[in-house]
Amino acid sequence: MNIDKSKLKLGIWYEDVYGNRIPSMDDEPEPVTKVGAHTYHVCFPLRITEEVFTYHDEYNKETCKHKRKWWRKDRDLIKGYKGHHCSNCGCTQVRKWWQPWGRKWDTGTSITPLINFNSSIGGGNESIILAMANSGDYTLSEALVVWANACERCMNVLAYKYTNGEDGYPEFSDEWNKCRTVCDFCKEES
């Protein structure tokens, strides 16, 4: 198995609707507008959490119809106020409890939370991750990201490699072929 470290997704980045990473400007880690951006990702591996946000550009806010199926209620408002946001474009409406909604929407935020991915390191995985980091092949951050994003058969190959054959199975073995799981690391080898 040959893992390309350049394909590891670390830090903060934007992706288009097809999941392709949009390159960022070197002088600004988080540009205000990203043409073609659909999602905003934050991945700091020592936290072992990846947060995915939906990115809303100005064009999306201007053309959105704010259909009721996209409305999400805001629950953190002070007593006497009601509010909701449009999950399609990020625009918001806040009113006093007795006021009607009307047609005017505030611009709201440019990103809204979509999903959080959390990986837990436990159940014997620590020794493999530490072996990966101690081998010099990966830093600790890279080893955590590789382990968190590896499919079942890649985990077994990594376990076999870094436990000197005591656990897992070798790449392209019968067990490897039977498993049939696929991730970014092995999809080109299947």
N, C-alpha and C. Protein backbone atom coordinates (compact mmCIF):
# COMPACT_ATOMS: atom_id res chain seq x y z
N MET A 1 0.85 -1.17 0.00
CA MET A 1 0.00 0.00 0.00
C MET A 1 0.89 1.23 0.00
N ASN A 2 0.63 2.13 -0.90
CA ASN A 2 1.42 3.34 -1.02
C ASN A 2 0.52 4.54 -0.74
N ILE A 3 0.67 5.13 0.43
CA ILE A 3 -0.17 6.26 0.81
C ILE A 3 0.56 7.54 0.43
N ASP A 4 -0.09 8.35 -0.37
CA ASP A 4 0.46 9.61 -0.81
C ASP A 4 0.14 10.67 0.23
N LYS A 5 1.16 11.18 0.95
CA LYS A 5 0.93 12.15 2.00
C LYS A 5 0.38 13.47 1.47
N SER A 6 0.60 13.75 0.20
CA SER A 6 0.09 14.99 -0.36
C SER A 6 -1.44 14.98 -0.47
N LYS A 7 -2.07 13.80 -0.39
CA LYS A 7 -3.53 13.71 -0.46
C LYS A 7 -4.20 13.83 0.89
N LEU A 8 -3.41 13.90 1.97
CA LEU A 8 -4.00 14.06 3.29
C LEU A 8 -4.62 15.44 3.41
N LYS A 9 -5.80 15.49 3.94
CA LYS A 9 -6.51 16.75 4.09
C LYS A 9 -6.36 17.22 5.53
N LEU A 10 -5.57 18.25 5.73
CA LEU A 10 -5.32 18.79 7.06
C LEU A 10 -5.58 20.28 7.06
N GLY A 11 -5.99 20.81 8.20
CA GLY A 11 -6.16 22.25 8.34
C GLY A 11 -7.54 22.71 7.93
N ILE A 12 -7.58 23.81 7.19
CA ILE A 12 -8.84 24.43 6.76
C ILE A 12 -8.83 24.50 5.24
N TRP A 13 -9.94 24.09 4.61
CA TRP A 13 -10.02 24.16 3.16
C TRP A 13 -11.47 24.22 2.70
N TYR A 14 -11.65 24.59 1.44
CA TYR A 14 -12.96 24.63 0.79
C TYR A 14 -13.00 23.53 -0.26
N GLU A 15 -14.21 23.00 -0.52
CA GLU A 15 -14.40 22.03 -1.60
C GLU A 15 -15.59 22.45 -2.45
N ASP A 16 -15.52 22.08 -3.73
CA ASP A 16 -16.65 22.37 -4.61
C ASP A 16 -17.70 21.27 -4.46
N VAL A 17 -18.77 21.33 -5.25
CA VAL A 17 -19.87 20.37 -5.11
C VAL A 17 -19.45 18.95 -5.43
N TYR A 18 -18.34 18.75 -6.14
CA TYR A 18 -17.87 17.42 -6.50
C TYR A 18 -16.84 16.88 -5.52
N GLY A 19 -16.55 17.60 -4.43
CA GLY A 19 -15.59 17.15 -3.44
C GLY A 19 -14.15 17.46 -3.77
N ASN A 20 -13.91 18.30 -4.78
CA ASN A 20 -12.55 18.69 -5.13
C ASN A 20 -12.12 19.87 -4.28
N ARG A 21 -10.90 19.79 -3.77
CA ARG A 21 -10.37 20.85 -2.92
C ARG A 21 -10.06 22.09 -3.76
N ILE A 22 -10.48 23.26 -3.26
CA ILE A 22 -10.20 24.53 -3.94
C ILE A 22 -8.94 25.11 -3.32
N PRO A 23 -7.90 25.36 -4.12
CA PRO A 23 -6.65 25.87 -3.55
C PRO A 23 -6.86 27.23 -2.90
N SER A 24 -6.21 27.44 -1.75
CA SER A 24 -6.35 28.71 -1.05
C SER A 24 -5.17 29.62 -1.40
N MET A 25 -5.36 30.89 -1.13
CA MET A 25 -4.30 31.86 -1.37
C MET A 25 -3.30 31.76 -0.22
N ASP A 26 -2.00 31.83 -0.52
CA ASP A 26 -0.97 31.63 0.50
C ASP A 26 -0.98 32.73 1.57
N ASP A 27 -1.27 33.97 1.17
CA ASP A 27 -1.20 35.05 2.14
C ASP A 27 -2.45 35.15 3.00
N GLU A 28 -3.56 34.54 2.59
CA GLU A 28 -4.79 34.56 3.37
C GLU A 28 -5.27 33.12 3.57
N PRO A 29 -5.18 32.59 4.81
CA PRO A 29 -5.60 31.21 5.02
C PRO A 29 -7.09 31.01 4.85
N GLU A 30 -7.88 32.05 5.04
CA GLU A 30 -9.33 31.91 4.95
C GLU A 30 -9.91 33.08 4.15
N PRO A 31 -9.90 33.01 2.82
CA PRO A 31 -10.41 34.11 2.02
C PRO A 31 -11.89 34.36 2.27
N VAL A 32 -12.31 35.60 2.11
CA VAL A 32 -13.70 35.97 2.37
C VAL A 32 -14.63 35.30 1.37
N THR A 33 -14.27 35.29 0.09
CA THR A 33 -15.11 34.63 -0.91
C THR A 33 -14.29 33.60 -1.66
N LYS A 34 -14.90 32.48 -1.92
CA LYS A 34 -14.27 31.42 -2.71
C LYS A 34 -15.23 31.08 -3.83
N VAL A 35 -14.83 31.37 -5.05
CA VAL A 35 -15.67 31.09 -6.20
C VAL A 35 -15.80 29.58 -6.38
N GLY A 36 -17.03 29.10 -6.47
CA GLY A 36 -17.29 27.69 -6.66
C GLY A 36 -17.29 26.86 -5.39
N ALA A 37 -17.13 27.48 -4.22
CA ALA A 37 -17.09 26.73 -2.97
C ALA A 37 -18.48 26.25 -2.58
N HIS A 38 -18.56 25.00 -2.10
CA HIS A 38 -19.81 24.43 -1.64
C HIS A 38 -19.72 24.06 -0.16
N THR A 39 -18.59 23.51 0.26
CA THR A 39 -18.40 23.15 1.66
C THR A 39 -17.10 23.74 2.19
N TYR A 40 -17.06 23.97 3.48
CA TYR A 40 -15.92 24.52 4.20
C TYR A 40 -15.51 23.48 5.23
N HIS A 41 -14.26 23.03 5.22
CA HIS A 41 -13.81 21.94 6.08
C HIS A 41 -12.77 22.44 7.07
N VAL A 42 -12.82 21.88 8.29
CA VAL A 42 -11.84 22.15 9.34
C VAL A 42 -11.41 20.81 9.88
N CYS A 43 -10.11 20.48 9.77
CA CYS A 43 -9.61 19.19 10.26
C CYS A 43 -8.28 19.42 10.98
N PHE A 44 -8.32 19.31 12.31
CA PHE A 44 -7.11 19.37 13.11
C PHE A 44 -6.97 18.02 13.79
N PRO A 45 -6.02 17.19 13.36
CA PRO A 45 -6.00 15.77 13.74
C PRO A 45 -5.76 15.47 15.20
N LEU A 46 -5.13 16.32 15.94
CA LEU A 46 -4.94 16.00 17.34
C LEU A 46 -6.25 16.08 18.11
N ARG A 47 -7.24 16.77 17.55
CA ARG A 47 -8.58 16.78 18.11
C ARG A 47 -9.36 15.57 17.63
N ILE A 48 -8.95 15.00 16.54
CA ILE A 48 -9.60 13.88 15.88
C ILE A 48 -11.07 14.20 15.60
N THR A 49 -11.28 15.42 15.11
CA THR A 49 -12.61 15.87 14.72
C THR A 49 -12.49 16.57 13.39
N GLU A 50 -13.41 16.29 12.50
CA GLU A 50 -13.49 17.02 11.24
C GLU A 50 -14.88 17.64 11.17
N GLU A 51 -14.90 18.95 10.98
CA GLU A 51 -16.17 19.66 10.89
C GLU A 51 -16.37 20.09 9.44
N VAL A 52 -17.56 19.87 8.92
CA VAL A 52 -17.89 20.26 7.55
C VAL A 52 -18.99 21.31 7.62
N PHE A 53 -18.76 22.43 6.96
CA PHE A 53 -19.71 23.53 6.92
C PHE A 53 -20.16 23.73 5.48
N THR A 54 -21.40 24.16 5.29
CA THR A 54 -21.86 24.54 3.97
C THR A 54 -21.48 26.00 3.76
N TYR A 55 -20.86 26.30 2.64
CA TYR A 55 -20.42 27.65 2.32
C TYR A 55 -21.48 28.34 1.46
N HIS A 56 -21.87 29.55 1.84
CA HIS A 56 -22.90 30.30 1.13
C HIS A 56 -22.29 31.57 0.56
N ASP A 57 -22.26 31.70 -0.77
CA ASP A 57 -21.74 32.92 -1.37
C ASP A 57 -22.88 33.93 -1.55
N GLU A 58 -22.51 35.15 -1.93
CA GLU A 58 -23.50 36.23 -2.07
C GLU A 58 -24.54 35.92 -3.14
N TYR A 59 -24.14 35.29 -4.22
CA TYR A 59 -25.09 34.95 -5.29
C TYR A 59 -26.15 34.00 -4.76
N ASN A 60 -25.73 33.02 -3.96
CA ASN A 60 -26.66 32.06 -3.37
C ASN A 60 -27.67 32.76 -2.46
N LYS A 61 -27.20 33.74 -1.68
CA LYS A 61 -28.09 34.48 -0.78
C LYS A 61 -29.10 35.32 -1.56
N GLU A 62 -28.65 35.93 -2.66
CA GLU A 62 -29.54 36.80 -3.45
C GLU A 62 -30.59 36.02 -4.23
N THR A 63 -30.27 34.83 -4.66
CA THR A 63 -31.19 34.06 -5.51
C THR A 63 -32.03 33.05 -4.75
N CYS A 64 -31.77 32.87 -3.46
CA CYS A 64 -32.50 31.86 -2.68
C CYS A 64 -33.96 32.27 -2.50
N LYS A 65 -34.84 31.29 -2.58
CA LYS A 65 -36.28 31.52 -2.41
C LYS A 65 -36.73 31.32 -0.95
N HIS A 66 -35.84 30.86 -0.08
CA HIS A 66 -36.13 30.64 1.35
C HIS A 66 -37.38 29.79 1.55
N LYS A 67 -37.45 28.66 0.90
CA LYS A 67 -38.60 27.77 1.06
C LYS A 67 -38.66 27.25 2.49
N ARG A 68 -39.87 27.03 2.97
CA ARG A 68 -40.06 26.61 4.37
C ARG A 68 -39.35 25.29 4.69
N LYS A 69 -39.14 24.43 3.70
CA LYS A 69 -38.47 23.16 3.98
C LYS A 69 -37.01 23.37 4.39
N TRP A 70 -36.43 24.55 4.12
CA TRP A 70 -35.05 24.85 4.49
C TRP A 70 -34.95 25.60 5.81
N TRP A 71 -36.06 26.03 6.39
CA TRP A 71 -36.03 26.81 7.63
C TRP A 71 -35.63 25.93 8.81
N ARG A 72 -34.70 26.41 9.60
CA ARG A 72 -34.28 25.74 10.84
C ARG A 72 -34.45 26.73 11.98
N LYS A 73 -35.15 26.31 13.01
CA LYS A 73 -35.47 27.18 14.13
C LYS A 73 -34.22 27.50 14.95
N ASP A 74 -34.07 28.79 15.34
CA ASP A 74 -32.99 29.19 16.24
C ASP A 74 -33.50 29.07 17.67
N ARG A 75 -32.79 28.31 18.47
CA ARG A 75 -33.24 28.06 19.84
C ARG A 75 -32.44 28.84 20.88
N ASP A 76 -31.43 29.59 20.47
CA ASP A 76 -30.58 30.29 21.42
C ASP A 76 -30.92 31.77 21.53
N LEU A 77 -32.16 32.14 21.29
CA LEU A 77 -32.57 33.53 21.36
C LEU A 77 -33.08 33.87 22.76
N ILE A 78 -33.02 35.16 23.11
CA ILE A 78 -33.53 35.57 24.42
C ILE A 78 -35.05 35.50 24.42
N LYS A 79 -35.61 35.44 25.62
CA LYS A 79 -37.06 35.30 25.76
C LYS A 79 -37.77 36.48 25.11
N GLY A 80 -38.83 36.19 24.37
CA GLY A 80 -39.60 37.23 23.71
C GLY A 80 -39.26 37.38 22.23
N TYR A 81 -38.27 36.63 21.76
CA TYR A 81 -37.88 36.68 20.35
C TYR A 81 -38.03 35.31 19.72
N LYS A 82 -38.26 35.30 18.42
CA LYS A 82 -38.29 34.07 17.65
C LYS A 82 -37.38 34.26 16.44
N GLY A 83 -36.86 33.18 15.91
CA GLY A 83 -35.99 33.31 14.76
C GLY A 83 -35.76 31.98 14.08
N HIS A 84 -35.30 32.07 12.85
CA HIS A 84 -34.92 30.88 12.10
C HIS A 84 -33.89 31.27 11.04
N HIS A 85 -33.23 30.26 10.50
CA HIS A 85 -32.28 30.51 9.41
C HIS A 85 -32.59 29.57 8.26
N CYS A 86 -32.20 29.99 7.08
CA CYS A 86 -32.38 29.19 5.88
C CYS A 86 -31.14 28.32 5.71
N SER A 87 -31.30 27.02 5.79
CA SER A 87 -30.14 26.13 5.67
C SER A 87 -29.61 26.06 4.25
N ASN A 88 -30.36 26.56 3.27
CA ASN A 88 -29.91 26.57 1.88
C ASN A 88 -28.93 27.71 1.61
N CYS A 89 -29.15 28.89 2.22
CA CYS A 89 -28.30 30.04 1.90
C CYS A 89 -27.67 30.70 3.12
N GLY A 90 -28.10 30.35 4.34
CA GLY A 90 -27.52 30.92 5.54
C GLY A 90 -28.15 32.21 6.02
N CYS A 91 -29.15 32.73 5.31
CA CYS A 91 -29.82 33.96 5.73
C CYS A 91 -30.65 33.70 6.99
N THR A 92 -30.92 34.77 7.76
CA THR A 92 -31.64 34.64 9.01
C THR A 92 -32.79 35.63 9.10
N GLN A 93 -33.75 35.31 9.97
CA GLN A 93 -34.84 36.21 10.34
C GLN A 93 -35.00 36.13 11.85
N VAL A 94 -35.05 37.30 12.50
CA VAL A 94 -35.30 37.37 13.93
C VAL A 94 -36.39 38.41 14.14
N ARG A 95 -37.42 38.07 14.90
CA ARG A 95 -38.54 38.96 15.17
C ARG A 95 -38.93 38.83 16.63
N LYS A 96 -39.68 39.83 17.12
CA LYS A 96 -40.29 39.69 18.44
C LYS A 96 -41.38 38.63 18.30
N TRP A 97 -41.74 38.00 19.39
CA TRP A 97 -42.63 36.85 19.35
C TRP A 97 -43.96 37.13 18.68
N TRP A 98 -44.43 38.39 18.69
CA TRP A 98 -45.74 38.72 18.15
C TRP A 98 -45.69 39.22 16.71
N GLN A 99 -44.49 39.48 16.17
CA GLN A 99 -44.37 40.02 14.81
C GLN A 99 -44.49 38.92 13.75
N PRO A 100 -45.12 39.22 12.60
CA PRO A 100 -45.14 38.25 11.51
C PRO A 100 -43.76 38.16 10.85
N TRP A 101 -43.53 37.08 10.09
CA TRP A 101 -42.22 36.87 9.49
C TRP A 101 -41.91 37.89 8.40
N GLY A 102 -42.78 38.13 7.48
CA GLY A 102 -42.48 39.07 6.39
C GLY A 102 -41.53 38.48 5.37
N ARG A 103 -41.10 39.32 4.43
CA ARG A 103 -40.24 38.85 3.33
C ARG A 103 -38.77 39.22 3.50
N LYS A 104 -38.44 40.14 4.39
CA LYS A 104 -37.06 40.60 4.54
C LYS A 104 -36.23 39.61 5.36
N TRP A 105 -35.10 39.23 4.80
CA TRP A 105 -34.14 38.34 5.46
C TRP A 105 -32.83 39.07 5.64
N ASP A 106 -32.14 38.82 6.75
CA ASP A 106 -30.80 39.35 6.97
C ASP A 106 -29.80 38.45 6.25
N THR A 107 -28.61 38.99 5.94
CA THR A 107 -27.62 38.20 5.20
C THR A 107 -27.09 37.02 5.99
N GLY A 108 -27.17 37.07 7.31
CA GLY A 108 -26.77 35.91 8.11
C GLY A 108 -25.29 35.63 8.04
N THR A 109 -24.95 34.36 7.94
CA THR A 109 -23.55 33.93 7.96
C THR A 109 -23.16 33.30 6.62
N SER A 110 -21.86 33.26 6.34
CA SER A 110 -21.40 32.67 5.08
C SER A 110 -21.19 31.16 5.20
N ILE A 111 -21.15 30.63 6.42
CA ILE A 111 -21.02 29.18 6.60
C ILE A 111 -22.02 28.71 7.66
N THR A 112 -22.58 27.54 7.45
CA THR A 112 -23.45 26.91 8.44
C THR A 112 -22.97 25.48 8.65
N PRO A 113 -23.04 24.99 9.89
CA PRO A 113 -22.58 23.63 10.15
C PRO A 113 -23.38 22.60 9.37
N LEU A 114 -22.68 21.62 8.80
CA LEU A 114 -23.33 20.54 8.06
C LEU A 114 -23.23 19.23 8.84
N ILE A 115 -21.99 18.86 9.23
CA ILE A 115 -21.79 17.59 9.94
C ILE A 115 -20.44 17.62 10.66
N ASN A 116 -20.34 16.88 11.74
CA ASN A 116 -19.08 16.69 12.47
C ASN A 116 -18.70 15.23 12.41
N PHE A 117 -17.45 14.96 12.09
CA PHE A 117 -16.93 13.60 12.11
C PHE A 117 -15.99 13.49 13.30
N ASN A 118 -16.21 12.50 14.14
CA ASN A 118 -15.36 12.29 15.30
C ASN A 118 -14.79 10.89 15.26
N SER A 119 -13.49 10.80 15.47
CA SER A 119 -12.83 9.50 15.52
C SER A 119 -12.33 9.28 16.94
N SER A 120 -12.53 8.08 17.45
CA SER A 120 -12.01 7.78 18.78
C SER A 120 -10.88 6.78 18.64
N ILE A 121 -9.85 7.02 19.38
CA ILE A 121 -8.69 6.13 19.37
C ILE A 121 -8.78 5.28 20.63
N GLY A 122 -9.03 4.04 20.48
CA GLY A 122 -9.18 3.15 21.62
C GLY A 122 -9.29 1.71 21.15
N GLY A 123 -9.40 0.80 22.07
CA GLY A 123 -9.57 -0.61 21.73
C GLY A 123 -8.34 -1.22 21.09
N GLY A 124 -7.15 -0.78 21.46
CA GLY A 124 -5.93 -1.36 20.92
C GLY A 124 -5.33 -0.61 19.75
N ASN A 125 -5.97 0.42 19.26
CA ASN A 125 -5.45 1.15 18.12
C ASN A 125 -4.25 2.04 18.46
N GLU A 126 -4.11 2.41 19.73
CA GLU A 126 -3.04 3.33 20.11
C GLU A 126 -1.67 2.78 19.75
N SER A 127 -1.47 1.49 19.95
CA SER A 127 -0.14 0.91 19.69
C SER A 127 0.21 0.98 18.21
N ILE A 128 -0.77 0.78 17.33
CA ILE A 128 -0.51 0.84 15.89
C ILE A 128 -0.21 2.28 15.47
N ILE A 129 -0.99 3.22 15.99
CA ILE A 129 -0.77 4.64 15.65
C ILE A 129 0.59 5.10 16.15
N LEU A 130 0.95 4.72 17.37
CA LEU A 130 2.27 5.08 17.88
C LEU A 130 3.39 4.41 17.08
N ALA A 131 3.18 3.18 16.65
CA ALA A 131 4.18 2.50 15.83
C ALA A 131 4.34 3.21 14.48
N MET A 132 3.22 3.68 13.92
CA MET A 132 3.29 4.43 12.66
C MET A 132 4.09 5.72 12.85
N ALA A 133 3.84 6.42 13.96
CA ALA A 133 4.55 7.67 14.22
C ALA A 133 6.02 7.42 14.57
N ASN A 134 6.28 6.38 15.36
CA ASN A 134 7.65 6.10 15.78
C ASN A 134 8.52 5.55 14.66
N SER A 135 7.89 5.00 13.62
CA SER A 135 8.67 4.46 12.50
C SER A 135 9.33 5.56 11.68
N GLY A 136 8.82 6.78 11.80
CA GLY A 136 9.34 7.89 11.00
C GLY A 136 8.61 8.05 9.68
N ASP A 137 7.70 7.14 9.36
CA ASP A 137 6.93 7.24 8.12
C ASP A 137 5.94 8.39 8.19
N TYR A 138 5.38 8.65 9.39
CA TYR A 138 4.35 9.67 9.58
C TYR A 138 4.64 10.45 10.85
N THR A 139 4.18 11.69 10.88
CA THR A 139 4.14 12.42 12.14
C THR A 139 2.92 11.90 12.90
N LEU A 140 2.78 12.28 14.16
CA LEU A 140 1.63 11.82 14.92
C LEU A 140 0.33 12.31 14.30
N SER A 141 0.31 13.56 13.86
CA SER A 141 -0.90 14.11 13.22
C SER A 141 -1.26 13.33 11.96
N GLU A 142 -0.26 13.04 11.13
CA GLU A 142 -0.50 12.29 9.90
C GLU A 142 -0.97 10.87 10.20
N ALA A 143 -0.37 10.23 11.21
CA ALA A 143 -0.77 8.86 11.57
C ALA A 143 -2.22 8.83 12.04
N LEU A 144 -2.63 9.83 12.81
CA LEU A 144 -4.02 9.89 13.27
C LEU A 144 -4.98 10.07 12.11
N VAL A 145 -4.64 10.95 11.16
CA VAL A 145 -5.51 11.19 10.02
C VAL A 145 -5.57 9.95 9.13
N VAL A 146 -4.44 9.31 8.90
CA VAL A 146 -4.42 8.08 8.08
C VAL A 146 -5.31 7.03 8.73
N TRP A 147 -5.15 6.81 10.03
CA TRP A 147 -5.94 5.78 10.71
C TRP A 147 -7.42 6.13 10.71
N ALA A 148 -7.75 7.40 10.92
CA ALA A 148 -9.16 7.81 10.96
C ALA A 148 -9.84 7.70 9.60
N ASN A 149 -9.08 7.83 8.50
CA ASN A 149 -9.67 7.80 7.17
C ASN A 149 -9.48 6.48 6.43
N ALA A 150 -8.77 5.54 7.04
CA ALA A 150 -8.51 4.26 6.38
C ALA A 150 -9.74 3.36 6.47
N CYS A 151 -9.97 2.57 5.41
CA CYS A 151 -11.06 1.59 5.43
C CYS A 151 -10.58 0.35 6.20
N GLU A 152 -11.45 -0.64 6.30
CA GLU A 152 -11.14 -1.83 7.10
C GLU A 152 -9.90 -2.56 6.59
N ARG A 153 -9.81 -2.74 5.27
CA ARG A 153 -8.65 -3.50 4.78
C ARG A 153 -7.37 -2.70 4.88
N CYS A 154 -7.43 -1.37 4.73
CA CYS A 154 -6.21 -0.56 4.91
C CYS A 154 -5.77 -0.58 6.37
N MET A 155 -6.74 -0.58 7.29
CA MET A 155 -6.38 -0.69 8.71
C MET A 155 -5.68 -2.01 8.99
N ASN A 156 -6.17 -3.09 8.39
CA ASN A 156 -5.53 -4.39 8.59
C ASN A 156 -4.14 -4.43 7.99
N VAL A 157 -3.95 -3.81 6.84
CA VAL A 157 -2.62 -3.76 6.22
C VAL A 157 -1.67 -2.95 7.08
N LEU A 158 -2.16 -1.80 7.59
CA LEU A 158 -1.33 -0.99 8.48
C LEU A 158 -0.99 -1.75 9.76
N ALA A 159 -1.97 -2.45 10.32
CA ALA A 159 -1.72 -3.24 11.53
C ALA A 159 -0.68 -4.33 11.25
N TYR A 160 -0.79 -4.99 10.11
CA TYR A 160 0.17 -6.04 9.75
C TYR A 160 1.58 -5.47 9.59
N LYS A 161 1.66 -4.31 8.94
CA LYS A 161 2.97 -3.71 8.68
C LYS A 161 3.64 -3.22 9.97
N TYR A 162 2.87 -2.55 10.83
CA TYR A 162 3.48 -1.90 12.00
C TYR A 162 3.48 -2.76 13.26
N THR A 163 2.89 -3.97 13.22
CA THR A 163 3.01 -4.90 14.34
C THR A 163 3.86 -6.11 13.93
N ASN A 164 4.59 -5.97 12.84
CA ASN A 164 5.46 -7.04 12.34
C ASN A 164 4.71 -8.34 12.10
N GLY A 165 3.52 -8.24 11.53
CA GLY A 165 2.76 -9.42 11.17
C GLY A 165 1.96 -10.06 12.28
N GLU A 166 1.95 -9.49 13.48
CA GLU A 166 1.21 -10.08 14.59
C GLU A 166 -0.30 -9.84 14.47
N ASP A 167 -0.70 -8.80 13.79
CA ASP A 167 -2.12 -8.47 13.65
C ASP A 167 -2.38 -8.07 12.20
N GLY A 168 -3.62 -8.17 11.76
CA GLY A 168 -3.98 -7.77 10.40
C GLY A 168 -3.57 -8.79 9.36
N TYR A 169 -3.50 -8.33 8.11
CA TYR A 169 -3.09 -9.21 7.02
C TYR A 169 -2.35 -8.40 5.96
N PRO A 170 -1.51 -9.07 5.16
CA PRO A 170 -0.73 -8.34 4.16
C PRO A 170 -1.59 -7.85 2.99
N GLU A 171 -1.06 -6.85 2.33
CA GLU A 171 -1.74 -6.30 1.16
C GLU A 171 -1.79 -7.33 0.04
N PHE A 172 -2.90 -7.38 -0.69
CA PHE A 172 -3.17 -8.28 -1.81
C PHE A 172 -3.26 -9.75 -1.39
N SER A 173 -3.44 -10.03 -0.10
CA SER A 173 -3.64 -11.41 0.34
C SER A 173 -5.10 -11.81 0.08
N ASP A 174 -5.44 -13.06 0.39
CA ASP A 174 -6.81 -13.52 0.20
C ASP A 174 -7.79 -12.72 1.06
N GLU A 175 -7.42 -12.46 2.32
CA GLU A 175 -8.29 -11.67 3.19
C GLU A 175 -8.47 -10.26 2.65
N TRP A 176 -7.41 -9.69 2.09
CA TRP A 176 -7.47 -8.34 1.53
C TRP A 176 -8.47 -8.30 0.37
N ASN A 177 -8.44 -9.32 -0.48
CA ASN A 177 -9.37 -9.38 -1.62
C ASN A 177 -10.80 -9.65 -1.18
N LYS A 178 -11.00 -10.44 -0.12
CA LYS A 178 -12.34 -10.74 0.36
C LYS A 178 -13.01 -9.52 1.00
N CYS A 179 -12.23 -8.66 1.61
CA CYS A 179 -12.77 -7.54 2.38
C CYS A 179 -13.59 -6.58 1.52
N ARG A 180 -13.06 -6.18 0.39
CA ARG A 180 -13.74 -5.34 -0.58
C ARG A 180 -14.14 -3.95 -0.08
N THR A 181 -13.60 -3.48 1.04
CA THR A 181 -13.83 -2.09 1.44
C THR A 181 -12.88 -1.21 0.65
N VAL A 182 -13.27 0.03 0.43
CA VAL A 182 -12.47 0.94 -0.38
C VAL A 182 -12.42 2.31 0.29
N CYS A 183 -11.26 2.92 0.28
CA CYS A 183 -11.09 4.29 0.77
C CYS A 183 -10.18 5.03 -0.21
N ASP A 184 -9.87 6.28 0.07
CA ASP A 184 -9.02 7.08 -0.81
C ASP A 184 -7.63 6.48 -0.98
N PHE A 185 -7.15 5.73 0.02
CA PHE A 185 -5.80 5.18 -0.03
C PHE A 185 -5.70 3.96 -0.95
N CYS A 186 -6.77 3.19 -1.08
CA CYS A 186 -6.66 1.94 -1.84
C CYS A 186 -7.60 1.85 -3.04
N LYS A 187 -8.38 2.88 -3.32
CA LYS A 187 -9.37 2.75 -4.40
C LYS A 187 -8.72 2.56 -5.77
N GLU A 188 -7.50 3.04 -5.96
CA GLU A 188 -6.83 2.86 -7.25
C GLU A 188 -6.16 1.50 -7.36
N GLU A 189 -5.98 0.81 -6.24
CA GLU A 189 -5.33 -0.51 -6.23
C GLU A 189 -6.32 -1.65 -6.36
N SER A 190 -7.63 -1.37 -6.21
CA SER A 190 -8.62 -2.45 -6.24
C SER A 190 -8.90 -2.90 -7.65
